[in-house]
Each structure stands twice: as C-alpha cells, then as structure tokens.
Amino acid sequence: MPSITDLFFISTQWSLISLIVPGGMGGKEVLEKLLEISPDVQAIVSSGYSNDPIFSDFKRYGFKGVIAKPFDLEGLSERVSKVIKMAPLSTPSFDPRFDR
C-alpha cells in the first residue's frame, strides 16, 4: 500500500482530514505526515464522534478547524473560508518528486 507521502501532492492551502478511518491511518497521524511535507498546511479535522479528545481540543493537535459529520456544503465552505483567512500568505509547497 502506498504511503501518504507517495500519494499527497500539496498544491492547496488546506486539507480536510477524517479523524477516524476504519482500518486506515487516523487523522492525527495523517496530519503529522502532512506537516513533515509542508509545515504550512492548514488542516480541518472532521468526525462523527464529537467525544474524541482530538475533536474537542483540535488546536492542540495542530488542526486549524473542526467540522462535525454529517456536514453540508455551506458548513464546509464556512469552515474552509475561516481557515484560509487565518493562514499566513506563502507560496504553496510542492513535493519535489512530482513535476509542477
């Protein structure tokens, strides 16, 4: 199975990450890997389990926003807008293994 670094190409300012993926890497671990690739990534954590400590204290774990599942396009758009407005202005990072 490919690793997150094999699959992820950073070309946006934000990422939506599910907190729990049955049989897969959890949201906390995914964010750790993304931050290794691009320390400026602005990640929003999403979950249907609002009692998880990461969901209730998301900033402590490096997430910039949170949205509960199920969510609609309007709610997601609002969260993404807030996260992007908080992000420092910078040039997007690219994985050097990929052509631009």
N, C-alpha and C. Protein backbone atom coordinates (compact mmCIF):
# COMPACT_ATOMS: atom_id res chain seq x y z
N MET A 1 0.84 -1.18 0.00
CA MET A 1 0.00 0.00 0.00
C MET A 1 0.89 1.25 0.00
N PRO A 2 0.59 2.25 -0.84
CA PRO A 2 1.40 3.46 -0.88
C PRO A 2 1.30 4.25 0.43
N SER A 3 2.36 4.94 0.78
CA SER A 3 2.33 5.77 1.98
C SER A 3 1.70 7.11 1.65
N ILE A 4 1.39 7.88 2.66
CA ILE A 4 0.80 9.20 2.47
C ILE A 4 1.74 10.09 1.66
N THR A 5 3.04 9.95 1.84
CA THR A 5 3.97 10.79 1.08
C THR A 5 4.02 10.40 -0.38
N ASP A 6 3.67 9.16 -0.70
CA ASP A 6 3.60 8.75 -2.10
C ASP A 6 2.35 9.30 -2.78
N LEU A 7 1.30 9.52 -2.03
CA LEU A 7 0.02 9.92 -2.60
C LEU A 7 -0.25 11.42 -2.53
N PHE A 8 0.39 12.13 -1.61
CA PHE A 8 -0.01 13.50 -1.34
C PHE A 8 0.84 14.51 -2.08
N PHE A 9 0.19 15.36 -2.79
CA PHE A 9 0.82 16.46 -3.53
C PHE A 9 0.22 17.75 -3.00
N ILE A 10 1.01 18.58 -2.38
CA ILE A 10 0.48 19.78 -1.74
C ILE A 10 0.41 20.90 -2.76
N SER A 11 -0.81 21.25 -3.13
CA SER A 11 -0.99 22.34 -4.07
C SER A 11 -2.10 23.27 -3.61
N THR A 12 -2.62 23.03 -2.43
CA THR A 12 -3.67 23.86 -1.86
C THR A 12 -3.23 24.37 -0.51
N GLN A 13 -4.03 25.28 0.04
CA GLN A 13 -3.70 25.85 1.33
C GLN A 13 -4.31 25.07 2.49
N TRP A 14 -5.23 24.18 2.21
CA TRP A 14 -5.91 23.50 3.31
C TRP A 14 -6.16 22.04 2.97
N SER A 15 -6.49 21.27 4.00
CA SER A 15 -6.80 19.86 3.83
C SER A 15 -7.91 19.48 4.81
N LEU A 16 -8.84 18.67 4.37
CA LEU A 16 -9.90 18.13 5.22
C LEU A 16 -9.52 16.70 5.56
N ILE A 17 -9.42 16.40 6.86
CA ILE A 17 -8.94 15.09 7.30
C ILE A 17 -9.96 14.47 8.22
N SER A 18 -10.36 13.23 7.90
CA SER A 18 -11.26 12.48 8.77
C SER A 18 -10.48 11.98 9.98
N LEU A 19 -11.05 12.14 11.15
CA LEU A 19 -10.37 11.74 12.38
C LEU A 19 -10.20 10.23 12.48
N ILE A 20 -11.22 9.50 12.08
CA ILE A 20 -11.19 8.04 12.21
C ILE A 20 -11.43 7.41 10.84
N VAL A 21 -10.49 6.56 10.42
CA VAL A 21 -10.63 5.81 9.17
C VAL A 21 -10.48 4.34 9.54
N PRO A 22 -11.60 3.59 9.56
CA PRO A 22 -11.52 2.18 9.94
C PRO A 22 -10.50 1.42 9.08
N GLY A 23 -9.56 0.79 9.74
CA GLY A 23 -8.53 0.02 9.03
C GLY A 23 -7.45 0.87 8.40
N GLY A 24 -7.49 2.18 8.62
CA GLY A 24 -6.51 3.06 8.00
C GLY A 24 -5.81 3.94 9.01
N MET A 25 -5.01 4.85 8.50
CA MET A 25 -4.28 5.79 9.33
C MET A 25 -5.28 6.81 9.89
N GLY A 26 -5.19 7.12 11.17
CA GLY A 26 -6.09 8.08 11.78
C GLY A 26 -5.71 9.52 11.43
N GLY A 27 -6.62 10.43 11.68
CA GLY A 27 -6.42 11.83 11.33
C GLY A 27 -5.20 12.46 11.98
N LYS A 28 -4.92 12.11 13.22
CA LYS A 28 -3.76 12.66 13.91
C LYS A 28 -2.47 12.26 13.19
N GLU A 29 -2.37 11.00 12.82
CA GLU A 29 -1.18 10.51 12.13
C GLU A 29 -1.07 11.11 10.73
N VAL A 30 -2.19 11.26 10.04
CA VAL A 30 -2.18 11.87 8.71
C VAL A 30 -1.64 13.30 8.80
N LEU A 31 -2.13 14.07 9.77
CA LEU A 31 -1.66 15.45 9.92
C LEU A 31 -0.17 15.49 10.23
N GLU A 32 0.31 14.60 11.06
CA GLU A 32 1.75 14.56 11.36
C GLU A 32 2.56 14.36 10.08
N LYS A 33 2.11 13.46 9.22
CA LYS A 33 2.80 13.21 7.94
C LYS A 33 2.72 14.42 7.02
N LEU A 34 1.56 15.04 6.95
CA LEU A 34 1.40 16.23 6.10
C LEU A 34 2.29 17.37 6.56
N LEU A 35 2.40 17.55 7.87
CA LEU A 35 3.23 18.62 8.40
C LEU A 35 4.72 18.38 8.12
N GLU A 36 5.12 17.12 7.98
CA GLU A 36 6.50 16.81 7.58
C GLU A 36 6.76 17.29 6.16
N ILE A 37 5.75 17.17 5.30
CA ILE A 37 5.87 17.57 3.90
C ILE A 37 5.75 19.09 3.76
N SER A 38 4.78 19.66 4.45
CA SER A 38 4.53 21.10 4.35
C SER A 38 4.08 21.64 5.70
N PRO A 39 4.98 22.29 6.42
CA PRO A 39 4.63 22.82 7.75
C PRO A 39 3.52 23.87 7.73
N ASP A 40 3.21 24.43 6.57
CA ASP A 40 2.18 25.46 6.47
C ASP A 40 0.79 24.92 6.17
N VAL A 41 0.63 23.60 6.05
CA VAL A 41 -0.68 23.05 5.70
C VAL A 41 -1.71 23.44 6.77
N GLN A 42 -2.87 23.86 6.32
CA GLN A 42 -3.96 24.26 7.20
C GLN A 42 -5.00 23.14 7.16
N ALA A 43 -5.07 22.34 8.20
CA ALA A 43 -5.92 21.14 8.20
C ALA A 43 -7.16 21.33 9.06
N ILE A 44 -8.27 20.85 8.53
CA ILE A 44 -9.54 20.82 9.24
C ILE A 44 -9.82 19.36 9.57
N VAL A 45 -10.15 19.07 10.82
CA VAL A 45 -10.46 17.71 11.22
C VAL A 45 -11.98 17.53 11.19
N SER A 46 -12.39 16.35 10.75
CA SER A 46 -13.81 16.04 10.63
C SER A 46 -14.09 14.70 11.30
N SER A 47 -15.22 14.62 12.00
CA SER A 47 -15.57 13.37 12.66
C SER A 47 -17.06 13.35 12.99
N GLY A 48 -17.58 12.15 13.08
CA GLY A 48 -18.94 11.95 13.57
C GLY A 48 -18.93 11.63 15.05
N TYR A 49 -17.74 11.56 15.64
CA TYR A 49 -17.58 11.24 17.06
C TYR A 49 -17.04 12.45 17.80
N SER A 50 -17.94 13.31 18.23
CA SER A 50 -17.51 14.56 18.85
C SER A 50 -16.95 14.39 20.26
N ASN A 51 -16.99 13.18 20.81
CA ASN A 51 -16.44 12.96 22.15
C ASN A 51 -14.95 12.63 22.15
N ASP A 52 -14.33 12.56 20.98
CA ASP A 52 -12.90 12.28 20.88
C ASP A 52 -12.10 13.48 21.36
N PRO A 53 -11.06 13.29 22.17
CA PRO A 53 -10.26 14.41 22.68
C PRO A 53 -9.66 15.28 21.58
N ILE A 54 -9.28 14.68 20.46
CA ILE A 54 -8.71 15.46 19.36
C ILE A 54 -9.77 16.39 18.79
N PHE A 55 -11.00 15.92 18.70
CA PHE A 55 -12.08 16.73 18.14
C PHE A 55 -12.39 17.92 19.05
N SER A 56 -12.34 17.71 20.35
CA SER A 56 -12.69 18.78 21.28
C SER A 56 -11.53 19.75 21.55
N ASP A 57 -10.29 19.33 21.28
CA ASP A 57 -9.12 20.18 21.52
C ASP A 57 -8.22 20.17 20.28
N PHE A 58 -8.83 20.42 19.13
CA PHE A 58 -8.15 20.23 17.83
C PHE A 58 -6.90 21.07 17.66
N LYS A 59 -6.86 22.28 18.20
CA LYS A 59 -5.69 23.15 18.03
C LYS A 59 -4.46 22.55 18.69
N ARG A 60 -4.65 21.88 19.79
CA ARG A 60 -3.53 21.24 20.50
C ARG A 60 -2.84 20.20 19.62
N TYR A 61 -3.58 19.61 18.71
CA TYR A 61 -3.05 18.57 17.84
C TYR A 61 -2.60 19.10 16.48
N GLY A 62 -2.69 20.41 16.27
CA GLY A 62 -2.20 21.01 15.04
C GLY A 62 -3.25 21.30 13.99
N PHE A 63 -4.50 20.96 14.26
CA PHE A 63 -5.57 21.26 13.31
C PHE A 63 -5.98 22.72 13.45
N LYS A 64 -6.42 23.33 12.37
CA LYS A 64 -6.81 24.74 12.37
C LYS A 64 -8.31 24.95 12.44
N GLY A 65 -9.06 23.88 12.24
CA GLY A 65 -10.52 23.96 12.28
C GLY A 65 -11.11 22.60 12.51
N VAL A 66 -12.42 22.58 12.75
CA VAL A 66 -13.13 21.34 13.04
C VAL A 66 -14.52 21.43 12.42
N ILE A 67 -15.02 20.31 11.93
CA ILE A 67 -16.38 20.24 11.42
C ILE A 67 -16.94 18.85 11.73
N ALA A 68 -18.16 18.82 12.26
CA ALA A 68 -18.80 17.56 12.62
C ALA A 68 -19.47 16.94 11.40
N LYS A 69 -19.41 15.61 11.32
CA LYS A 69 -20.14 14.86 10.29
C LYS A 69 -21.53 14.53 10.83
N PRO A 70 -22.52 14.49 10.02
CA PRO A 70 -22.50 14.88 8.61
C PRO A 70 -22.50 16.40 8.48
N PHE A 71 -21.87 16.90 7.43
CA PHE A 71 -21.86 18.34 7.19
C PHE A 71 -22.37 18.60 5.78
N ASP A 72 -22.81 19.83 5.56
CA ASP A 72 -23.28 20.20 4.23
C ASP A 72 -22.26 21.13 3.58
N LEU A 73 -22.47 21.42 2.31
CA LEU A 73 -21.53 22.25 1.57
C LEU A 73 -21.40 23.64 2.18
N GLU A 74 -22.49 24.20 2.65
CA GLU A 74 -22.44 25.54 3.26
C GLU A 74 -21.57 25.54 4.52
N GLY A 75 -21.76 24.54 5.38
CA GLY A 75 -20.96 24.44 6.60
C GLY A 75 -19.49 24.24 6.30
N LEU A 76 -19.19 23.38 5.33
CA LEU A 76 -17.81 23.14 4.94
C LEU A 76 -17.18 24.40 4.36
N SER A 77 -17.93 25.08 3.50
CA SER A 77 -17.43 26.32 2.90
C SER A 77 -17.10 27.36 3.96
N GLU A 78 -17.95 27.47 4.97
CA GLU A 78 -17.71 28.42 6.06
C GLU A 78 -16.43 28.10 6.80
N ARG A 79 -16.22 26.81 7.14
CA ARG A 79 -15.02 26.41 7.88
C ARG A 79 -13.76 26.65 7.05
N VAL A 80 -13.82 26.26 5.77
CA VAL A 80 -12.65 26.42 4.90
C VAL A 80 -12.31 27.90 4.77
N SER A 81 -13.31 28.74 4.59
CA SER A 81 -13.06 30.19 4.48
C SER A 81 -12.37 30.73 5.72
N LYS A 82 -12.81 30.31 6.89
CA LYS A 82 -12.19 30.76 8.14
C LYS A 82 -10.73 30.31 8.23
N VAL A 83 -10.47 29.07 7.87
CA VAL A 83 -9.11 28.54 7.94
C VAL A 83 -8.20 29.25 6.95
N ILE A 84 -8.67 29.46 5.75
CA ILE A 84 -7.85 30.14 4.74
C ILE A 84 -7.56 31.58 5.16
N LYS A 85 -8.52 32.26 5.74
CA LYS A 85 -8.30 33.64 6.20
C LYS A 85 -7.27 33.71 7.31
N MET A 86 -7.16 32.66 8.12
CA MET A 86 -6.19 32.62 9.22
C MET A 86 -4.79 32.27 8.73
N ALA A 87 -4.70 31.66 7.55
CA ALA A 87 -3.41 31.15 7.06
C ALA A 87 -2.48 32.29 6.68
N PRO A 88 -1.19 32.13 7.00
CA PRO A 88 -0.21 33.13 6.56
C PRO A 88 -0.07 33.07 5.05
N LEU A 89 0.19 34.19 4.44
CA LEU A 89 0.41 34.21 3.00
C LEU A 89 1.77 33.60 2.71
N SER A 90 1.77 32.60 1.85
CA SER A 90 3.02 31.94 1.49
C SER A 90 2.85 31.25 0.16
N THR A 91 3.96 30.87 -0.42
CA THR A 91 3.94 30.12 -1.66
C THR A 91 3.62 28.67 -1.34
N PRO A 92 2.70 28.04 -2.09
CA PRO A 92 2.39 26.64 -1.81
C PRO A 92 3.64 25.77 -1.92
N SER A 93 3.69 24.73 -1.11
CA SER A 93 4.81 23.79 -1.13
C SER A 93 4.48 22.65 -2.09
N PHE A 94 5.50 22.14 -2.74
CA PHE A 94 5.32 21.02 -3.64
C PHE A 94 6.29 19.93 -3.29
N ASP A 95 5.84 18.71 -3.40
CA ASP A 95 6.72 17.57 -3.19
C ASP A 95 7.67 17.52 -4.37
N PRO A 96 8.98 17.58 -4.15
CA PRO A 96 9.94 17.65 -5.25
C PRO A 96 9.94 16.41 -6.14
N ARG A 97 9.30 15.34 -5.71
CA ARG A 97 9.26 14.12 -6.54
C ARG A 97 8.27 14.25 -7.68
N PHE A 98 7.45 15.31 -7.66
CA PHE A 98 6.44 15.49 -8.69
C PHE A 98 6.78 16.71 -9.53
N ASP A 99 6.48 16.63 -10.82
CA ASP A 99 6.63 17.80 -11.68
C ASP A 99 5.55 18.81 -11.36
N ARG A 100 5.86 20.07 -11.52
CA ARG A 100 4.86 21.12 -11.27
C ARG A 100 3.95 21.27 -12.45
